[in-house]
């Protein structure tokens, strides 16, 4: 006898897939707050979804207290199962494209905002190398979203801001850019560097958290350790808005120091970018891809090798 899924059954199945994503995010971060930021949602509904999953499975998946989150025995057993199910589910669009694609393939590579001009030149070189074999198309996005695109098989590879710690993802660093302080020119225009202690009375301005690479968590910790506690977090991902607030005075932000960086197009004339005299931050960019896809698809592996050669030149 065949089984007919009702609309309610289909909705329940979709919610179960989301529950597994929520579970894996919490299990990998061992933090509800970090997982919520990664998933672009609030902590409270995430916690409720995990409780729903625990109720449906009849098992407690996490031990929680005010300071720590730990996997229970059931949670540790579920983690590889959940990853396997999600991996197979996420592969469906890619496998369908592979099965039905035309003879000439289209390869998507993710691109983060503010890519350095020299890295763009290397990317063009890679695209030219591949022109006789396939069409390489760029897919813009934040590093977290691009990582998800690679994990789901929607992107063959991506350039992302490091660090990236994700199971099954290979990483090759292709560039490291020093960071500096973006400051109002009226107050700092004559300076050649600035120290963290000089910024204590200024407000640190940053774009929406979803736009910031995870490396900025380390930068944030260093700022707090230096006594810099005033904050302004914008809801927009527009880096130009950050510079506009800095130009008003009594504020600063942090961005790439090199004038050849793609981030310089977001600067305004009334700001300057200075190196730190007592701090040496640098943002690394890496090429990422899914290990299992490269191992099982010789065409993709060849493209990845070409990309590595071009982007690390």
Protein backbone atom coordinates (compact mmCIF):
# COMPACT_ATOMS: atom_id res chain seq x y z
CA UNK A 1 0.00 0.00 0.00
CA UNK A 2 1.41 3.42 -0.94
CA UNK A 3 1.63 6.20 1.60
CA UNK A 4 0.34 9.65 0.77
CA UNK A 5 1.94 12.55 2.65
CA UNK A 6 -0.46 15.23 3.72
CA UNK A 7 0.54 18.90 3.86
CA UNK A 8 0.99 18.50 7.61
CA UNK A 9 3.34 15.53 7.13
CA UNK A 10 5.43 17.46 4.61
CA UNK A 11 5.70 20.43 6.96
CA UNK A 12 6.79 18.16 9.80
CA UNK A 13 9.54 16.68 7.62
CA UNK A 14 10.81 20.14 6.65
CA UNK A 15 10.88 21.16 10.29
CA UNK A 16 12.84 18.01 11.19
CA UNK A 17 15.54 18.96 8.69
CA UNK A 18 15.76 22.40 10.26
CA UNK A 19 15.92 20.80 13.71
CA UNK A 20 18.92 18.76 12.60
CA UNK A 21 20.66 21.91 11.30
CA UNK A 22 20.03 23.63 14.61
CA UNK A 23 21.32 20.62 16.52
CA UNK A 24 24.54 20.37 14.47
CA UNK A 25 25.21 24.10 14.87
CA UNK A 26 24.91 23.90 18.65
CA UNK A 27 26.89 20.65 18.81
CA UNK A 28 29.78 22.08 16.79
CA UNK A 29 29.91 25.35 18.70
CA UNK A 30 28.94 23.95 22.13
CA UNK A 31 27.29 27.33 22.61
CA UNK A 32 23.70 28.35 21.96
CA UNK A 33 24.65 32.01 21.49
CA UNK A 34 27.40 31.28 18.94
CA UNK A 35 25.16 28.83 17.09
CA UNK A 36 22.35 31.40 17.01
CA UNK A 37 24.68 33.99 15.45
CA UNK A 38 25.81 31.46 12.88
CA UNK A 39 22.19 30.64 12.04
CA UNK A 40 21.14 34.33 12.01
CA UNK A 41 18.48 33.80 14.67
CA UNK A 42 17.87 34.64 18.32
CA UNK A 43 19.03 32.32 21.10
CA UNK A 44 15.59 31.77 22.65
CA UNK A 45 13.86 30.22 19.59
CA UNK A 46 16.97 28.12 18.90
CA UNK A 47 16.84 26.71 22.43
CA UNK A 48 13.14 25.96 21.99
CA UNK A 49 13.76 24.11 18.68
CA UNK A 50 16.39 21.95 20.38
CA UNK A 51 13.91 21.13 23.15
CA UNK A 52 11.34 20.21 20.46
CA UNK A 53 13.88 17.86 18.88
CA UNK A 54 14.72 16.30 22.24
CA UNK A 55 11.02 15.76 22.89
CA UNK A 56 10.48 14.18 19.47
CA UNK A 57 13.47 11.85 19.91
CA UNK A 58 12.77 11.10 23.56
CA UNK A 59 16.40 11.85 24.46
CA UNK A 60 18.28 14.70 26.12
CA UNK A 61 20.93 15.84 23.66
CA UNK A 62 22.76 18.51 25.67
CA UNK A 63 23.76 19.06 29.27
CA UNK A 64 23.31 22.76 29.98
CA UNK A 65 24.32 25.04 32.83
CA UNK A 66 24.97 28.76 33.07
CA UNK A 67 28.54 28.42 31.79
CA UNK A 68 28.84 25.29 29.63
CA UNK A 69 27.04 23.21 27.03
CA UNK A 70 28.03 19.55 26.60
CA UNK A 71 26.79 16.74 24.41
CA UNK A 72 25.13 13.86 26.20
CA UNK A 73 25.80 10.29 25.11
CA UNK A 74 22.68 10.48 22.93
CA UNK A 75 23.79 13.82 21.47
CA UNK A 76 27.25 12.47 20.61
CA UNK A 77 25.63 9.48 18.90
CA UNK A 78 23.23 11.69 16.94
CA UNK A 79 25.89 14.11 15.62
CA UNK A 80 27.45 11.91 12.88
CA UNK A 81 23.99 10.66 11.89
CA UNK A 82 22.67 14.21 11.57
CA UNK A 83 25.68 15.32 9.53
CA UNK A 84 25.27 12.38 7.19
CA UNK A 85 21.55 13.06 6.69
CA UNK A 86 22.11 16.78 6.10
CA UNK A 87 24.98 16.10 3.72
CA UNK A 88 22.85 13.77 1.61
CA UNK A 89 19.90 16.16 1.70
CA UNK A 90 22.05 19.17 0.73
CA UNK A 91 23.61 17.23 -2.13
CA UNK A 92 20.27 16.78 -3.91
CA UNK A 93 20.40 20.05 -5.98
CA UNK A 94 24.04 19.50 -6.91
CA UNK A 95 23.52 15.84 -7.85
CA UNK A 96 20.50 16.80 -9.93
CA UNK A 97 22.53 19.44 -11.78
CA UNK A 98 25.31 16.91 -12.33
CA UNK A 99 22.82 14.43 -13.77
CA UNK A 100 21.12 16.92 -16.09
CA UNK A 101 23.82 19.51 -16.83
CA UNK A 102 24.75 20.39 -20.42
CA UNK A 103 28.08 19.24 -21.80
CA UNK A 104 29.75 22.56 -20.90
CA UNK A 105 29.68 22.98 -17.15
CA UNK A 106 29.12 26.14 -15.10
CA UNK A 107 31.21 26.38 -11.93
CA UNK A 108 30.26 28.79 -9.15
CA UNK A 109 32.91 30.26 -6.86
CA UNK A 110 31.93 32.31 -3.82
CA UNK A 111 33.40 35.79 -3.37
CA UNK A 112 33.40 37.75 -0.07
CA UNK A 113 33.07 41.56 0.06
CA UNK A 114 36.13 43.80 -0.16
CA UNK A 115 38.33 41.37 -2.09
CA UNK A 116 41.86 42.74 -2.60
CA UNK A 117 42.60 43.98 -6.12
CA UNK A 118 45.55 41.62 -6.55
CA UNK A 119 43.35 38.68 -5.57
CA UNK A 120 40.78 39.80 -8.12
CA UNK A 121 43.55 39.81 -10.74
CA UNK A 122 44.48 36.24 -9.78
CA UNK A 123 40.82 35.24 -9.94
CA UNK A 124 40.59 36.59 -13.49
CA UNK A 125 43.67 34.55 -14.36
CA UNK A 126 41.96 31.42 -13.01
CA UNK A 127 38.81 32.18 -15.03
CA UNK A 128 40.90 32.58 -18.20
CA UNK A 129 42.66 29.28 -17.56
CA UNK A 130 39.30 27.53 -17.31
CA UNK A 131 37.62 29.31 -20.25
CA UNK A 132 38.15 26.43 -22.65
CA UNK A 133 36.66 23.90 -20.25
CA UNK A 134 33.86 25.57 -18.29
CA UNK A 135 32.20 28.85 -17.36
CA UNK A 136 33.32 30.19 -13.98
CA UNK A 137 30.73 32.45 -12.36
CA UNK A 138 31.16 34.47 -9.16
CA UNK A 139 28.66 34.26 -6.31
CA UNK A 140 28.94 37.13 -3.78
CA UNK A 141 28.19 36.75 -0.08
CA UNK A 142 29.44 36.91 3.48
CA UNK A 143 32.01 34.27 4.50
CA UNK A 144 29.56 32.32 6.70
CA UNK A 145 26.97 32.12 3.92
CA UNK A 146 29.61 31.09 1.37
CA UNK A 147 30.81 28.31 3.67
CA UNK A 148 27.25 27.01 3.89
CA UNK A 149 27.02 27.19 0.07
CA UNK A 150 30.13 25.01 -0.25
CA UNK A 151 28.88 22.57 2.40
CA UNK A 152 25.56 22.20 0.59
CA UNK A 153 27.20 21.73 -2.80
CA UNK A 154 25.72 24.93 -4.21
CA UNK A 155 29.24 26.33 -4.74
CA UNK A 156 32.17 24.33 -6.08
CA UNK A 157 34.57 26.42 -4.00
CA UNK A 158 34.73 29.83 -2.34
CA UNK A 159 37.10 32.52 -1.20
CA UNK A 160 36.30 33.29 2.44
CA UNK A 161 37.81 35.17 5.34
CA UNK A 162 39.53 32.86 7.78
CA UNK A 163 39.49 31.09 10.15
CA UNK A 164 37.18 28.34 8.96
CA UNK A 165 36.70 25.26 11.12
CA UNK A 166 34.23 22.91 9.49
CA UNK A 167 34.40 19.15 9.14
CA UNK A 168 35.06 17.95 5.58
CA UNK A 169 36.16 21.38 4.34
CA UNK A 170 39.67 21.86 2.94
CA UNK A 171 41.32 25.28 3.32
CA UNK A 172 44.29 26.90 1.58
CA UNK A 173 45.28 30.40 2.65
CA UNK A 174 45.78 32.66 -0.38
CA UNK A 175 46.29 36.13 1.16
CA UNK A 176 46.87 37.85 4.49
CA UNK A 177 46.04 41.57 4.81
CA UNK A 178 47.08 43.80 7.72
CA UNK A 179 44.28 45.68 9.46
CA UNK A 180 44.35 49.27 10.68
CA UNK A 181 42.17 51.76 12.52
CA UNK A 182 39.78 53.90 10.46
CA UNK A 183 39.78 57.27 12.22
CA UNK A 184 38.42 60.82 11.69
CA UNK A 185 40.97 62.81 9.71
CA UNK A 186 40.24 65.97 11.70
CA UNK A 187 41.64 64.32 14.85
CA UNK A 188 44.24 61.91 13.44
CA UNK A 189 45.13 63.23 9.98
CA UNK A 190 48.70 64.15 10.95
CA UNK A 191 49.46 60.80 12.61
CA UNK A 192 51.38 57.83 11.17
CA UNK A 193 50.14 55.26 13.72
CA UNK A 194 47.84 54.93 16.71
CA UNK A 195 47.89 52.93 19.95
CA UNK A 196 44.94 51.07 21.42
CA UNK A 197 45.07 53.10 24.65
CA UNK A 198 44.44 56.26 22.59
CA UNK A 199 41.08 54.84 21.46
CA UNK A 200 39.61 54.21 24.90
CA UNK A 201 37.36 57.30 24.76
CA UNK A 202 36.20 56.64 21.19
CA UNK A 203 33.26 54.52 20.06
CA UNK A 204 34.04 51.38 18.07
CA UNK A 205 31.68 51.25 15.05
CA UNK A 206 31.08 47.99 13.20
CA UNK A 207 28.65 46.80 10.51
CA UNK A 208 26.03 44.13 11.13
CA UNK A 209 27.54 41.04 12.82
CA UNK A 210 26.56 38.83 9.86
CA UNK A 211 29.01 40.81 7.70
CA UNK A 212 32.03 40.39 9.98
CA UNK A 213 34.47 37.50 9.59
CA UNK A 214 34.85 35.30 12.66
CA UNK A 215 38.39 36.67 13.07
CA UNK A 216 36.80 39.86 14.34
CA UNK A 217 35.81 37.96 17.50
CA UNK A 218 39.54 37.95 18.35
CA UNK A 219 39.79 41.65 17.48
CA UNK A 220 36.80 42.37 19.71
CA UNK A 221 38.42 40.52 22.62
CA UNK A 222 41.63 42.54 22.20
CA UNK A 223 39.70 45.81 22.16
CA UNK A 224 37.88 44.94 25.37
CA UNK A 225 41.13 43.90 27.03
CA UNK A 226 42.53 47.33 26.13
CA UNK A 227 39.58 49.03 27.88
CA UNK A 228 37.65 49.98 24.73
CA UNK A 229 34.02 49.38 25.70
CA UNK A 230 31.93 51.92 23.77
CA UNK A 231 30.15 50.25 20.87
CA UNK A 232 27.92 51.13 17.93
CA UNK A 233 26.75 48.17 15.84
CA UNK A 234 24.95 49.08 12.63
CA UNK A 235 22.04 47.06 11.31
CA UNK A 236 23.26 47.48 7.76
CA UNK A 237 26.01 45.55 6.02
CA UNK A 238 27.08 48.71 4.18
CA UNK A 239 30.71 49.35 5.10
CA UNK A 240 30.39 52.88 3.71
CA UNK A 241 27.97 53.71 6.52
CA UNK A 242 30.64 52.74 9.03
CA UNK A 243 33.06 55.28 7.55
CA UNK A 244 30.40 57.97 7.58
CA UNK A 245 29.91 57.52 11.33
CA UNK A 246 33.68 57.60 11.89
CA UNK A 247 33.97 60.82 9.89
CA UNK A 248 31.59 62.50 12.36
CA UNK A 249 34.32 62.29 15.01
CA UNK A 250 34.91 60.49 18.35
CA UNK A 251 34.61 57.06 16.68
CA UNK A 252 36.72 54.49 14.89
CA UNK A 253 36.39 51.23 13.02
CA UNK A 254 38.82 48.57 11.81
CA UNK A 255 39.47 47.71 8.19
CA UNK A 256 42.15 46.73 5.69
CA UNK A 257 45.27 48.89 5.77
CA UNK A 258 46.44 48.42 2.18
CA UNK A 259 45.15 51.17 -0.20
CA UNK A 260 44.84 48.46 -2.89
CA UNK A 261 42.24 46.64 -0.82
CA UNK A 262 38.74 46.49 -2.21
CA UNK A 263 37.52 47.98 1.06
CA UNK A 264 39.00 51.35 0.15
CA UNK A 265 36.05 52.10 -2.10
CA UNK A 266 33.99 52.36 1.11
CA UNK A 267 36.17 55.11 2.60
CA UNK A 268 35.21 58.77 2.76
CA UNK A 269 37.66 61.66 2.37
CA UNK A 270 37.39 62.79 5.96
CA UNK A 271 38.81 59.53 7.38
CA UNK A 272 42.31 58.08 7.56
CA UNK A 273 43.51 54.51 8.10
CA UNK A 274 46.45 54.09 10.46
CA UNK A 275 48.46 51.05 11.53
CA UNK A 276 48.43 50.12 15.21
CA UNK A 277 51.62 50.77 17.15
CA UNK A 278 50.83 48.09 19.75
CA UNK A 279 48.59 45.65 17.86
CA UNK A 280 49.24 43.61 14.71
CA UNK A 281 45.89 42.32 13.40
CA UNK A 282 45.67 40.72 9.95
CA UNK A 283 42.75 39.22 8.05
CA UNK A 284 43.48 36.07 6.06
CA UNK A 285 41.55 34.95 2.98
CA UNK A 286 41.43 31.30 2.00
CA UNK A 287 40.12 29.06 -0.76
CA UNK A 288 37.76 26.38 0.56
CA UNK A 289 36.11 23.33 -0.99
CA UNK A 290 34.45 20.09 0.08
CA UNK A 291 36.97 17.29 0.42
CA UNK A 292 34.60 14.47 -0.51
CA UNK A 293 33.46 16.16 -3.73
CA UNK A 294 37.05 16.74 -4.86
CA UNK A 295 37.99 13.15 -4.07
CA UNK A 296 35.14 11.67 -6.11
CA UNK A 297 35.06 14.10 -9.06
CA UNK A 298 38.25 14.36 -11.09
CA UNK A 299 36.96 17.39 -13.06
CA UNK A 300 36.38 19.36 -9.86
CA UNK A 301 39.73 18.29 -8.40
CA UNK A 302 41.48 19.56 -11.54
CA UNK A 303 39.69 22.92 -11.25
CA UNK A 304 40.63 23.21 -7.58
CA UNK A 305 44.29 22.57 -8.44
CA UNK A 306 44.09 25.28 -11.11
CA UNK A 307 42.51 27.67 -8.62
CA UNK A 308 45.22 26.96 -6.03
CA UNK A 309 47.94 27.66 -8.60
CA UNK A 310 46.33 30.90 -9.76
CA UNK A 311 45.26 32.28 -6.40
CA UNK A 312 48.47 31.57 -4.50
CA UNK A 313 50.77 32.89 -7.25
